[in-house]
Amino acid sequence: MNALLVIFPYKYQGTWVFDDPTVGLFREPFIAGIDTMIDKAAADVPNAEKGFRAIFSAAPFPGANLKLEWRREESGGNWYHNDRFKMEGWLCPALLKYFPTAPREIYVKIEPKN
């Protein structure tokens, strides 16, 4: 398994989504607070709604600018807290396509696509 993973979120009909054909996901939505965290974290990325790069890992890495801390499981997904934005968000069961179990922490680097 890779230590660093990459997805390219974008807005589709007003909702943050991403595609990852390697794990069978198409327009997989971010909801329940994670969408609001993305709004805040990507605010300085030019044209973020047309797509940006999100590099993520269960381990800290140089340049990570967002940290999510696990809180609890619910409805097959997991709630994470972000201290910077003082809020929680829910990651759906698609998280388990990237990790064997929900990580205690997820580190993310949000940046322009290129």
PDB file of N, CA and C in Angstrom:
ATOM      1  N   MET A   1       0.846  -1.182   0.000  1.00  0.00           N
ATOM      2  CA  MET A   1       0.000   0.000   0.000  1.00  0.00           C
ATOM      3  C   MET A   1       0.890   1.244   0.000  1.00  0.00           C
ATOM      4  N   ASN A   2       0.498   2.253  -0.758  1.00  0.00           N
ATOM      5  CA  ASN A   2       1.243   3.508  -0.798  1.00  0.00           C
ATOM      6  C   ASN A   2       1.117   4.255   0.515  1.00  0.00           C
ATOM      7  N   ALA A   3       2.177   4.951   0.894  1.00  0.00           N
ATOM      8  CA  ALA A   3       2.138   5.782   2.094  1.00  0.00           C
ATOM      9  C   ALA A   3       1.414   7.098   1.807  1.00  0.00           C
ATOM     10  N   LEU A   4       1.585   7.626   0.581  1.00  0.00           N
ATOM     11  CA  LEU A   4       0.897   8.847   0.167  1.00  0.00           C
ATOM     12  C   LEU A   4      -0.104   8.499  -0.919  1.00  0.00           C
ATOM     13  N   LEU A   5      -1.296   9.028  -0.779  1.00  0.00           N
ATOM     14  CA  LEU A   5      -2.370   8.789  -1.734  1.00  0.00           C
ATOM     15  C   LEU A   5      -2.806  10.126  -2.311  1.00  0.00           C
ATOM     16  N   VAL A   6      -3.397  10.112  -3.510  1.00  0.00           N
ATOM     17  CA  VAL A   6      -3.791  11.349  -4.178  1.00  0.00           C
ATOM     18  C   VAL A   6      -5.175  11.207  -4.778  1.00  0.00           C
ATOM     19  N   ILE A   7      -5.998  12.225  -4.562  1.00  0.00           N
ATOM     20  CA  ILE A   7      -7.278  12.349  -5.263  1.00  0.00           C
ATOM     21  C   ILE A   7      -7.383  13.786  -5.780  1.00  0.00           C
ATOM     22  N   PHE A   8      -8.347  14.012  -6.670  1.00  0.00           N
ATOM     23  CA  PHE A   8      -8.530  15.323  -7.277  1.00  0.00           C
ATOM     24  C   PHE A   8      -9.983  15.775  -7.117  1.00  0.00           C
ATOM     25  N   PRO A   9     -10.333  16.310  -5.951  1.00  0.00           N
ATOM     26  CA  PRO A   9     -11.709  16.777  -5.739  1.00  0.00           C
ATOM     27  C   PRO A   9     -12.066  17.952  -6.657  1.00  0.00           C
ATOM     28  N   TYR A  10     -13.353  18.057  -6.961  1.00  0.00           N
ATOM     29  CA  TYR A  10     -13.893  19.139  -7.765  1.00  0.00           C
ATOM     30  C   TYR A  10     -15.361  19.293  -7.396  1.00  0.00           C
ATOM     31  N   LYS A  11     -15.955  20.407  -7.813  1.00  0.00           N
ATOM     32  CA  LYS A  11     -17.372  20.630  -7.524  1.00  0.00           C
ATOM     33  C   LYS A  11     -18.216  20.132  -8.683  1.00  0.00           C
ATOM     34  N   TYR A  12     -19.252  19.391  -8.349  1.00  0.00           N
ATOM     35  CA  TYR A  12     -20.216  18.901  -9.334  1.00  0.00           C
ATOM     36  C   TYR A  12     -21.600  19.215  -8.792  1.00  0.00           C
ATOM     37  N   GLN A  13     -22.343  20.041  -9.511  1.00  0.00           N
ATOM     38  CA  GLN A  13     -23.675  20.463  -9.096  1.00  0.00           C
ATOM     39  C   GLN A  13     -23.682  20.960  -7.645  1.00  0.00           C
ATOM     40  N   GLY A  14     -22.656  21.750  -7.307  1.00  0.00           N
ATOM     41  CA  GLY A  14     -22.589  22.381  -5.997  1.00  0.00           C
ATOM     42  C   GLY A  14     -22.046  21.520  -4.876  1.00  0.00           C
ATOM     43  N   THR A  15     -21.609  20.301  -5.185  1.00  0.00           N
ATOM     44  CA  THR A  15     -21.112  19.383  -4.158  1.00  0.00           C
ATOM     45  C   THR A  15     -19.673  18.995  -4.478  1.00  0.00           C
ATOM     46  N   TRP A  16     -18.820  18.959  -3.443  1.00  0.00           N
ATOM     47  CA  TRP A  16     -17.460  18.463  -3.638  1.00  0.00           C
ATOM     48  C   TRP A  16     -17.515  16.957  -3.863  1.00  0.00           C
ATOM     49  N   VAL A  17     -16.885  16.495  -4.938  1.00  0.00           N
ATOM     50  CA  VAL A  17     -16.841  15.076  -5.286  1.00  0.00           C
ATOM     51  C   VAL A  17     -15.432  14.740  -5.796  1.00  0.00           C
ATOM     52  N   PHE A  18     -15.182  13.451  -5.979  1.00  0.00           N
ATOM     53  CA  PHE A  18     -13.936  13.028  -6.630  1.00  0.00           C
ATOM     54  C   PHE A  18     -14.177  11.717  -7.344  1.00  0.00           C
ATOM     55  N   ASP A  19     -13.335  11.453  -8.325  1.00  0.00           N
ATOM     56  CA  ASP A  19     -13.364  10.205  -9.082  1.00  0.00           C
ATOM     57  C   ASP A  19     -12.064   9.462  -8.811  1.00  0.00           C
ATOM     58  N   ASP A  20     -12.159   8.163  -8.668  1.00  0.00           N
ATOM     59  CA  ASP A  20     -10.957   7.337  -8.580  1.00  0.00           C
ATOM     60  C   ASP A  20     -11.287   5.966  -9.163  1.00  0.00           C
ATOM     61  N   PRO A  21     -11.131   5.833 -10.479  1.00  0.00           N
ATOM     62  CA  PRO A  21     -11.475   4.571 -11.122  1.00  0.00           C
ATOM     63  C   PRO A  21     -10.658   3.390 -10.608  1.00  0.00           C
ATOM     64  N   THR A  22      -9.485   3.642 -10.031  1.00  0.00           N
ATOM     65  CA  THR A  22      -8.666   2.533  -9.528  1.00  0.00           C
ATOM     66  C   THR A  22      -9.327   1.808  -8.356  1.00  0.00           C
ATOM     67  N   VAL A  23     -10.240   2.498  -7.659  1.00  0.00           N
ATOM     68  CA  VAL A  23     -10.962   1.853  -6.553  1.00  0.00           C
ATOM     69  C   VAL A  23     -12.476   1.827  -6.793  1.00  0.00           C
ATOM     70  N   GLY A  24     -12.890   2.152  -8.021  1.00  0.00           N
ATOM     71  CA  GLY A  24     -14.294   2.052  -8.390  1.00  0.00           C
ATOM     72  C   GLY A  24     -15.180   3.192  -7.920  1.00  0.00           C
ATOM     73  N   LEU A  25     -14.625   4.389  -7.757  1.00  0.00           N
ATOM     74  CA  LEU A  25     -15.424   5.532  -7.301  1.00  0.00           C
ATOM     75  C   LEU A  25     -15.599   6.547  -8.421  1.00  0.00           C
ATOM     76  N   PHE A  26     -16.824   7.056  -8.566  1.00  0.00           N
ATOM     77  CA  PHE A  26     -17.144   8.067  -9.560  1.00  0.00           C
ATOM     78  C   PHE A  26     -18.087   9.078  -8.926  1.00  0.00           C
ATOM     79  N   ARG A  27     -17.676  10.338  -8.938  1.00  0.00           N
ATOM     80  CA  ARG A  27     -18.440  11.413  -8.298  1.00  0.00           C
ATOM     81  C   ARG A  27     -18.802  11.071  -6.855  1.00  0.00           C
ATOM     82  N   GLU A  28     -17.853  10.534  -6.141  1.00  0.00           N
ATOM     83  CA  GLU A  28     -18.044  10.204  -4.723  1.00  0.00           C
ATOM     84  C   GLU A  28     -18.115  11.520  -3.945  1.00  0.00           C
ATOM     85  N   PRO A  29     -19.235  11.781  -3.261  1.00  0.00           N
ATOM     86  CA  PRO A  29     -19.401  13.084  -2.603  1.00  0.00           C
ATOM     87  C   PRO A  29     -18.757  13.170  -1.221  1.00  0.00           C
ATOM     88  N   PHE A  30     -18.349  14.376  -0.891  1.00  0.00           N
ATOM     89  CA  PHE A  30     -17.951  14.728   0.471  1.00  0.00           C
ATOM     90  C   PHE A  30     -19.145  15.448   1.088  1.00  0.00           C
ATOM     91  N   ILE A  31     -19.585  14.993   2.260  1.00  0.00           N
ATOM     92  CA  ILE A  31     -20.767  15.568   2.901  1.00  0.00           C
ATOM     93  C   ILE A  31     -20.514  15.731   4.399  1.00  0.00           C
ATOM     94  N   ALA A  32     -21.527  16.157   5.110  1.00  0.00           N
ATOM     95  CA  ALA A  32     -21.573  16.157   6.577  1.00  0.00           C
ATOM     96  C   ALA A  32     -20.353  16.819   7.225  1.00  0.00           C
ATOM     97  N   GLY A  33     -20.043  18.031   6.788  1.00  0.00           N
ATOM     98  CA  GLY A  33     -18.966  18.786   7.407  1.00  0.00           C
ATOM     99  C   GLY A  33     -17.647  18.727   6.674  1.00  0.00           C
ATOM    100  N   ILE A  34     -17.332  17.595   6.060  1.00  0.00           N
ATOM    101  CA  ILE A  34     -16.089  17.515   5.287  1.00  0.00           C
ATOM    102  C   ILE A  34     -16.164  18.491   4.111  1.00  0.00           C
ATOM    103  N   ASP A  35     -17.341  18.655   3.526  1.00  0.00           N
ATOM    104  CA  ASP A  35     -17.508  19.606   2.431  1.00  0.00           C
ATOM    105  C   ASP A  35     -17.176  21.031   2.881  1.00  0.00           C
ATOM    106  N   THR A  36     -17.598  21.400   4.071  1.00  0.00           N
ATOM    107  CA  THR A  36     -17.302  22.731   4.603  1.00  0.00           C
ATOM    108  C   THR A  36     -15.816  22.883   4.900  1.00  0.00           C
ATOM    109  N   MET A  37     -15.190  21.823   5.422  1.00  0.00           N
ATOM    110  CA  MET A  37     -13.741  21.867   5.646  1.00  0.00           C
ATOM    111  C   MET A  37     -13.005  22.081   4.333  1.00  0.00           C
ATOM    112  N   ILE A  38     -13.467  21.407   3.269  1.00  0.00           N
ATOM    113  CA  ILE A  38     -12.833  21.573   1.961  1.00  0.00           C
ATOM    114  C   ILE A  38     -13.000  23.019   1.489  1.00  0.00           C
ATOM    115  N   ASP A  39     -14.196  23.590   1.662  1.00  0.00           N
ATOM    116  CA  ASP A  39     -14.409  24.998   1.295  1.00  0.00           C
ATOM    117  C   ASP A  39     -13.361  25.887   1.953  1.00  0.00           C
ATOM    118  N   LYS A  40     -13.141  25.677   3.244  1.00  0.00           N
ATOM    119  CA  LYS A  40     -12.195  26.500   4.001  1.00  0.00           C
ATOM    120  C   LYS A  40     -10.749  26.210   3.600  1.00  0.00           C
ATOM    121  N   ALA A  41     -10.394  24.942   3.497  1.00  0.00           N
ATOM    122  CA  ALA A  41      -9.008  24.563   3.209  1.00  0.00           C
ATOM    123  C   ALA A  41      -8.591  24.916   1.786  1.00  0.00           C
ATOM    124  N   ALA A  42      -9.538  24.922   0.858  1.00  0.00           N
ATOM    125  CA  ALA A  42      -9.218  25.199  -0.549  1.00  0.00           C
ATOM    126  C   ALA A  42      -9.516  26.643  -0.945  1.00  0.00           C
ATOM    127  N   ALA A  43      -9.840  27.476   0.024  1.00  0.00           N
ATOM    128  CA  ALA A  43     -10.229  28.861  -0.267  1.00  0.00           C
ATOM    129  C   ALA A  43      -9.152  29.632  -1.030  1.00  0.00           C
ATOM    130  N   ASP A  44      -7.887  29.325  -0.790  1.00  0.00           N
ATOM    131  CA  ASP A  44      -6.795  30.044  -1.456  1.00  0.00           C
ATOM    132  C   ASP A  44      -6.279  29.351  -2.716  1.00  0.00           C
ATOM    133  N   VAL A  45      -6.892  28.249  -3.089  1.00  0.00           N
ATOM    134  CA  VAL A  45      -6.479  27.530  -4.300  1.00  0.00           C
ATOM    135  C   VAL A  45      -7.246  28.119  -5.486  1.00  0.00           C
ATOM    136  N   PRO A  46      -6.533  28.680  -6.458  1.00  0.00           N
ATOM    137  CA  PRO A  46      -7.224  29.256  -7.619  1.00  0.00           C
ATOM    138  C   PRO A  46      -8.092  28.216  -8.343  1.00  0.00           C
ATOM    139  N   ASN A  47      -9.325  28.588  -8.634  1.00  0.00           N
ATOM    140  CA  ASN A  47     -10.268  27.730  -9.362  1.00  0.00           C
ATOM    141  C   ASN A  47     -10.421  26.352  -8.725  1.00  0.00           C
ATOM    142  N   ALA A  48     -10.394  26.285  -7.413  1.00  0.00           N
ATOM    143  CA  ALA A  48     -10.482  24.998  -6.709  1.00  0.00           C
ATOM    144  C   ALA A  48     -11.706  24.201  -7.137  1.00  0.00           C
ATOM    145  N   GLU A  49     -12.817  24.887  -7.398  1.00  0.00           N
ATOM    146  CA  GLU A  49     -14.034  24.157  -7.755  1.00  0.00           C
ATOM    147  C   GLU A  49     -13.892  23.381  -9.059  1.00  0.00           C
ATOM    148  N   LYS A  50     -12.905  23.739  -9.887  1.00  0.00           N
ATOM    149  CA  LYS A  50     -12.641  22.991 -11.123  1.00  0.00           C
ATOM    150  C   LYS A  50     -11.684  21.833 -10.877  1.00  0.00           C
ATOM    151  N   GLY A  51     -11.180  21.733  -9.660  1.00  0.00           N
ATOM    152  CA  GLY A  51     -10.318  20.621  -9.291  1.00  0.00           C
ATOM    153  C   GLY A  51      -9.030  21.069  -8.634  1.00  0.00           C
ATOM    154  N   PHE A  52      -8.628  20.326  -7.631  1.00  0.00           N
ATOM    155  CA  PHE A  52      -7.351  20.552  -6.964  1.00  0.00           C
ATOM    156  C   PHE A  52      -6.796  19.196  -6.551  1.00  0.00           C
ATOM    157  N   ARG A  53      -5.529  19.182  -6.173  1.00  0.00           N
ATOM    158  CA  ARG A  53      -4.878  17.946  -5.743  1.00  0.00           C
ATOM    159  C   ARG A  53      -4.957  17.858  -4.226  1.00  0.00           C
ATOM    160  N   ALA A  54      -5.365  16.696  -3.734  1.00  0.00           N
ATOM    161  CA  ALA A  54      -5.362  16.413  -2.295  1.00  0.00           C
ATOM    162  C   ALA A  54      -4.489  15.180  -2.077  1.00  0.00           C
ATOM    163  N   ILE A  55      -3.315  15.405  -1.501  1.00  0.00           N
ATOM    164  CA  ILE A  55      -2.407  14.316  -1.148  1.00  0.00           C
ATOM    165  C   ILE A  55      -2.705  13.989   0.310  1.00  0.00           C
ATOM    166  N   PHE A  56      -2.878  12.700   0.638  1.00  0.00           N
ATOM    167  CA  PHE A  56      -3.235  12.366   2.016  1.00  0.00           C
ATOM    168  C   PHE A  56      -2.539  11.099   2.479  1.00  0.00           C
ATOM    169  N   SER A  57      -2.419  10.987   3.797  1.00  0.00           N
ATOM    170  CA  SER A  57      -1.711   9.868   4.404  1.00  0.00           C
ATOM    171  C   SER A  57      -2.136   9.725   5.856  1.00  0.00           C
ATOM    172  N   ALA A  58      -1.942   8.535   6.387  1.00  0.00           N
ATOM    173  CA  ALA A  58      -2.189   8.305   7.811  1.00  0.00           C
ATOM    174  C   ALA A  58      -0.980   8.727   8.644  1.00  0.00           C
ATOM    175  N   ALA A  59       0.103   9.114   7.984  1.00  0.00           N
ATOM    176  CA  ALA A  59       1.324   9.541   8.676  1.00  0.00           C
ATOM    177  C   ALA A  59       1.650  10.982   8.281  1.00  0.00           C
ATOM    178  N   PRO A  60       2.237  11.740   9.184  1.00  0.00           N
ATOM    179  CA  PRO A  60       2.638  13.113   8.840  1.00  0.00           C
ATOM    180  C   PRO A  60       3.627  13.102   7.672  1.00  0.00           C
ATOM    181  N   PHE A  61       3.566  14.151   6.845  1.00  0.00           N
ATOM    182  CA  PHE A  61       4.511  14.295   5.754  1.00  0.00           C
ATOM    183  C   PHE A  61       4.752  15.777   5.492  1.00  0.00           C
ATOM    184  N   PRO A  62       5.907  16.141   4.922  1.00  0.00           N
ATOM    185  CA  PRO A  62       6.234  17.546   4.679  1.00  0.00           C
ATOM    186  C   PRO A  62       5.196  18.217   3.782  1.00  0.00           C
ATOM    187  N   GLY A  63       4.758  19.391   4.194  1.00  0.00           N
ATOM    188  CA  GLY A  63       3.809  20.153   3.398  1.00  0.00           C
ATOM    189  C   GLY A  63       2.348  19.903   3.726  1.00  0.00           C
ATOM    190  N   ALA A  64       2.048  18.911   4.532  1.00  0.00           N
ATOM    191  CA  ALA A  64       0.644  18.664   4.904  1.00  0.00           C
ATOM    192  C   ALA A  64       0.106  19.913   5.595  1.00  0.00           C
ATOM    193  N   ASN A  65      -1.063  20.380   5.162  1.00  0.00           N
ATOM    194  CA  ASN A  65      -1.612  21.606   5.722  1.00  0.00           C
ATOM    195  C   ASN A  65      -2.977  21.409   6.383  1.00  0.00           C
ATOM    196  N   LEU A  66      -3.359  20.165   6.584  1.00  0.00           N
ATOM    197  CA  LEU A  66      -4.631  19.861   7.233  1.00  0.00           C
ATOM    198  C   LEU A  66      -4.480  18.537   7.977  1.00  0.00           C
ATOM    199  N   LYS A  67      -4.930  18.514   9.212  1.00  0.00           N
ATOM    200  CA  LYS A  67      -4.868  17.287  10.011  1.00  0.00           C
ATOM    201  C   LYS A  67      -6.269  16.962  10.516  1.00  0.00           C
ATOM    202  N   LEU A  68      -6.681  15.728  10.285  1.00  0.00           N
ATOM    203  CA  LEU A  68      -7.973  15.242  10.766  1.00  0.00           C
ATOM    204  C   LEU A  68      -7.718  14.202  11.848  1.00  0.00           C
ATOM    205  N   GLU A  69      -8.410  14.320  12.972  1.00  0.00           N
ATOM    206  CA  GLU A  69      -8.254  13.387  14.086  1.00  0.00           C
ATOM    207  C   GLU A  69      -9.540  12.597  14.278  1.00  0.00           C
ATOM    208  N   TRP A  70      -9.397  11.276  14.308  1.00  0.00           N
ATOM    209  CA  TRP A  70     -10.547  10.380  14.431  1.00  0.00           C
ATOM    210  C   TRP A  70     -11.302  10.624  15.737  1.00  0.00           C
ATOM    211  N   ARG A  71     -12.629  10.603  15.654  1.00  0.00           N
ATOM    212  CA  ARG A  71     -13.473  10.763  16.836  1.00  0.00           C
ATOM    213  C   ARG A  71     -14.338   9.541  17.111  1.00  0.00           C
ATOM    214  N   ARG A  72     -15.060   9.075  16.076  1.00  0.00           N
ATOM    215  CA  ARG A  72     -15.980   7.956  16.301  1.00  0.00           C
ATOM    216  C   ARG A  72     -16.487   7.414  14.960  1.00  0.00           C
ATOM    217  N   GLU A  73     -17.011   6.188  15.022  1.00  0.00           N
ATOM    218  CA  GLU A  73     -17.619   5.543  13.852  1.00  0.00           C
ATOM    219  C   GLU A  73     -19.120   5.810  13.895  1.00  0.00           C
ATOM    220  N   GLU A  74     -19.710   5.961  12.718  1.00  0.00           N
ATOM    221  CA  GLU A  74     -21.169   6.087  12.617  1.00  0.00           C
ATOM    222  C   GLU A  74     -21.609   5.739  11.203  1.00  0.00           C
ATOM    223  N   SER A  75     -22.623   4.932  11.096  1.00  0.00           N
ATOM    224  CA  SER A  75     -23.239   4.590   9.809  1.00  0.00           C
ATOM    225  C   SER A  75     -22.225   4.065   8.793  1.00  0.00           C
ATOM    226  N   GLY A  76     -21.255   3.286   9.254  1.00  0.00           N
ATOM    227  CA  GLY A  76     -20.256   2.708   8.368  1.00  0.00           C
ATOM    228  C   GLY A  76     -19.119   3.643   8.020  1.00  0.00           C
ATOM    229  N   GLY A  77     -19.265   4.927   8.371  1.00  0.00           N
ATOM    230  CA  GLY A  77     -18.220   5.919   8.121  1.00  0.00           C
ATOM    231  C   GLY A  77     -17.594   6.354   9.433  1.00  0.00           C
ATOM    232  N   ASN A  78     -16.792   7.389   9.364  1.00  0.00           N
ATOM    233  CA  ASN A  78     -16.063   7.846  10.545  1.00  0.00           C
ATOM    234  C   ASN A  78     -16.049   9.363  10.633  1.00  0.00           C
ATOM    235  N   TRP A  79     -16.234   9.855  11.855  1.00  0.00           N
ATOM    236  CA  TRP A  79     -16.179  11.286  12.131  1.00  0.00           C
ATOM    237  C   TRP A  79     -14.747  11.675  12.481  1.00  0.00           C
ATOM    238  N   TYR A  80     -14.304  12.772  11.889  1.00  0.00           N
ATOM    239  CA  TYR A  80     -12.978  13.328  12.146  1.00  0.00           C
ATOM    240  C   TYR A  80     -13.112  14.785  12.575  1.00  0.00           C
ATOM    241  N   HIS A  81     -12.213  15.204  13.456  1.00  0.00           N
ATOM    242  CA  HIS A  81     -12.183  16.587  13.937  1.00  0.00           C
ATOM    243  C   HIS A  81     -10.963  17.289  13.369  1.00  0.00           C
ATOM    244  N   ASN A  82     -11.149  18.556  12.998  1.00  0.00           N
ATOM    245  CA  ASN A  82     -10.027  19.388  12.577  1.00  0.00           C
ATOM    246  C   ASN A  82      -9.918  20.547  13.549  1.00  0.00           C
ATOM    247  N   ASP A  83      -8.763  20.635  14.212  1.00  0.00           N
ATOM    248  CA  ASP A  83      -8.562  21.660  15.225  1.00  0.00           C
ATOM    249  C   ASP A  83      -8.453  23.056  14.617  1.00  0.00           C
ATOM    250  N   ARG A  84      -7.849  23.155  13.445  1.00  0.00           N
ATOM    251  CA  ARG A  84      -7.689  24.464  12.786  1.00  0.00           C
ATOM    252  C   ARG A  84      -9.029  25.141  12.535  1.00  0.00           C
ATOM    253  N   PHE A  85     -10.004  24.374  12.069  1.00  0.00           N
ATOM    254  CA  PHE A  85     -11.328  24.934  11.774  1.00  0.00           C
ATOM    255  C   PHE A  85     -12.326  24.711  12.907  1.00  0.00           C
ATOM    256  N   LYS A  86     -11.898  23.996  13.945  1.00  0.00           N
ATOM    257  CA  LYS A  86     -12.756  23.728  15.116  1.00  0.00           C
ATOM    258  C   LYS A  86     -14.086  23.115  14.701  1.00  0.00           C
ATOM    259  N   MET A  87     -13.995  22.052  13.882  1.00  0.00           N
ATOM    260  CA  MET A  87     -15.215  21.403  13.415  1.00  0.00           C
ATOM    261  C   MET A  87     -14.970  19.934  13.112  1.00  0.00           C
ATOM    262  N   GLU A  88     -16.070  19.199  12.999  1.00  0.00           N
ATOM    263  CA  GLU A  88     -16.032  17.791  12.647  1.00  0.00           C
ATOM    264  C   GLU A  88     -16.622  17.578  11.266  1.00  0.00           C
ATOM    265  N   GLY A  89     -16.210  16.469  10.653  1.00  0.00           N
ATOM    266  CA  GLY A  89     -16.773  16.060   9.378  1.00  0.00           C
ATOM    267  C   GLY A  89     -16.759  14.549   9.285  1.00  0.00           C
ATOM    268  N   TRP A  90     -17.677  14.023   8.493  1.00  0.00           N
ATOM    269  CA  TRP A  90     -17.852  12.577   8.365  1.00  0.00           C
ATOM    270  C   TRP A  90     -17.269  12.106   7.043  1.00  0.00           C
ATOM    271  N   LEU A  91     -16.426  11.095   7.103  1.00  0.00           N
ATOM    272  CA  LEU A  91     -15.904  10.449   5.897  1.00  0.00           C
ATOM    273  C   LEU A  91     -16.629   9.119   5.732  1.00  0.00           C
ATOM    274  N   CYS A  92     -17.205   8.913   4.571  1.00  0.00           N
ATOM    275  CA  CYS A  92     -18.032   7.739   4.304  1.00  0.00           C
ATOM    276  C   CYS A  92     -17.190   6.467   4.217  1.00  0.00           C
ATOM    277  N   PRO A  93     -17.840   5.309   4.079  1.00  0.00           N
ATOM    278  CA  PRO A  93     -17.118   4.039   4.005  1.00  0.00           C
ATOM    279  C   PRO A  93     -16.106   3.939   2.856  1.00  0.00           C
ATOM    280  N   ALA A  94     -16.158   4.848   1.880  1.00  0.00           N
ATOM    281  CA  ALA A  94     -15.163   4.848   0.800  1.00  0.00           C
ATOM    282  C   ALA A  94     -13.753   5.047   1.358  1.00  0.00           C
ATOM    283  N   LEU A  95     -13.634   5.596   2.564  1.00  0.00           N
ATOM    284  CA  LEU A  95     -12.331   5.746   3.217  1.00  0.00           C
ATOM    285  C   LEU A  95     -11.599   4.406   3.285  1.00  0.00           C
ATOM    286  N   LEU A  96     -12.374   3.341   3.457  1.00  0.00           N
ATOM    287  CA  LEU A  96     -11.773   2.010   3.611  1.00  0.00           C
ATOM    288  C   LEU A  96     -11.274   1.421   2.286  1.00  0.00           C
ATOM    289  N   LYS A  97     -11.477   2.132   1.194  1.00  0.00           N
ATOM    290  CA  LYS A  97     -10.853   1.736  -0.071  1.00  0.00           C
ATOM    291  C   LYS A  97      -9.392   2.177  -0.095  1.00  0.00           C
ATOM    292  N   TYR A  98      -9.023   3.054   0.833  1.00  0.00           N
ATOM    293  CA  TYR A  98      -7.668   3.589   0.901  1.00  0.00           C
ATOM    294  C   TYR A  98      -6.884   3.111   2.126  1.00  0.00           C
ATOM    295  N   PHE A  99      -7.586   2.743   3.169  1.00  0.00           N
ATOM    296  CA  PHE A  99      -6.966   2.281   4.415  1.00  0.00           C
ATOM    297  C   PHE A  99      -7.676   1.023   4.885  1.00  0.00           C
ATOM    298  N   PRO A 100      -6.953   0.053   5.460  1.00  0.00           N
ATOM    299  CA  PRO A 100      -7.603  -1.170   5.932  1.00  0.00           C
ATOM    300  C   PRO A 100      -8.578  -0.919   7.097  1.00  0.00           C
ATOM    301  N   THR A 101      -8.275   0.082   7.915  1.00  0.00           N
ATOM    302  CA  THR A 101      -9.173   0.534   8.991  1.00  0.00           C
ATOM    303  C   THR A 101      -9.080   2.057   9.030  1.00  0.00           C
ATOM    304  N   ALA A 102     -10.046   2.677   9.652  1.00  0.00           N
ATOM    305  CA  ALA A 102     -10.030   4.142   9.748  1.00  0.00           C
ATOM    306  C   ALA A 102      -8.805   4.599  10.534  1.00  0.00           C
ATOM    307  N   PRO A 103      -7.948   5.410   9.926  1.00  0.00           N
ATOM    308  CA  PRO A 103      -6.754   5.865  10.645  1.00  0.00           C
ATOM    309  C   PRO A 103      -7.114   6.795  11.805  1.00  0.00           C
ATOM    310  N   ARG A 104      -6.287   6.810  12.816  1.00  0.00           N
ATOM    311  CA  ARG A 104      -6.482   7.711  13.958  1.00  0.00           C
ATOM    312  C   ARG A 104      -6.277   9.158  13.532  1.00  0.00           C
ATOM    313  N   GLU A 105      -5.388   9.367  12.561  1.00  0.00           N
ATOM    314  CA  GLU A 105      -5.123  10.700  12.029  1.00  0.00           C
ATOM    315  C   GLU A 105      -4.972  10.603  10.519  1.00  0.00           C
ATOM    316  N   ILE A 106      -5.425  11.647   9.849  1.00  0.00           N
ATOM    317  CA  ILE A 106      -5.232  11.755   8.403  1.00  0.00           C
ATOM    318  C   ILE A 106      -4.618  13.124   8.146  1.00  0.00           C
ATOM    319  N   TYR A 107      -3.496  13.112   7.429  1.00  0.00           N
ATOM    320  CA  TYR A 107      -2.803  14.342   7.073  1.00  0.00           C
ATOM    321  C   TYR A 107      -3.055  14.606   5.591  1.00  0.00           C
ATOM    322  N   VAL A 108      -3.328  15.885   5.262  1.00  0.00           N
ATOM    323  CA  VAL A 108      -3.705  16.237   3.898  1.00  0.00           C
ATOM    324  C   VAL A 108      -2.918  17.460   3.449  1.00  0.00           C
ATOM    325  N   LYS A 109      -2.510  17.434   2.202  1.00  0.00           N
ATOM    326  CA  LYS A 109      -1.933  18.620   1.559  1.00  0.00           C
ATOM    327  C   LYS A 109      -2.844  18.991   0.405  1.00  0.00           C
ATOM    328  N   ILE A 110      -3.388  20.183   0.471  1.00  0.00           N
ATOM    329  CA  ILE A 110      -4.274  20.680  -0.584  1.00  0.00           C
ATOM    330  C   ILE A 110      -3.486  21.695  -1.400  1.00  0.00           C
ATOM    331  N   GLU A 111      -3.471  21.485  -2.728  1.00  0.00           N
ATOM    332  CA  GLU A 111      -2.710  22.352  -3.609  1.00  0.00           C
ATOM    333  C   GLU A 111      -3.349  22.386  -4.992  1.00  0.00           C
ATOM    334  N   PRO A 112      -2.986  23.377  -5.811  1.00  0.00           N
ATOM    335  CA  PRO A 112      -3.508  23.404  -7.183  1.00  0.00           C
ATOM    336  C   PRO A 112      -3.102  22.142  -7.938  1.00  0.00           C
ATOM    337  N   LYS A 113      -3.877  21.804  -8.957  1.00  0.00           N
ATOM    338  CA  LYS A 113      -3.574  20.603  -9.750  1.00  0.00           C
ATOM    339  C   LYS A 113      -2.203  20.662 -10.393  1.00  0.00           C
ATOM    340  N   ASN A 114      -1.831  21.825 -10.939  1.00  0.00           N
ATOM    341  CA  ASN A 114      -0.497  21.950 -11.521  1.00  0.00           C
ATOM    342  C   ASN A 114      -0.086  23.390 -11.625  1.00  0.00           C
TER     343      ASN A 114
END
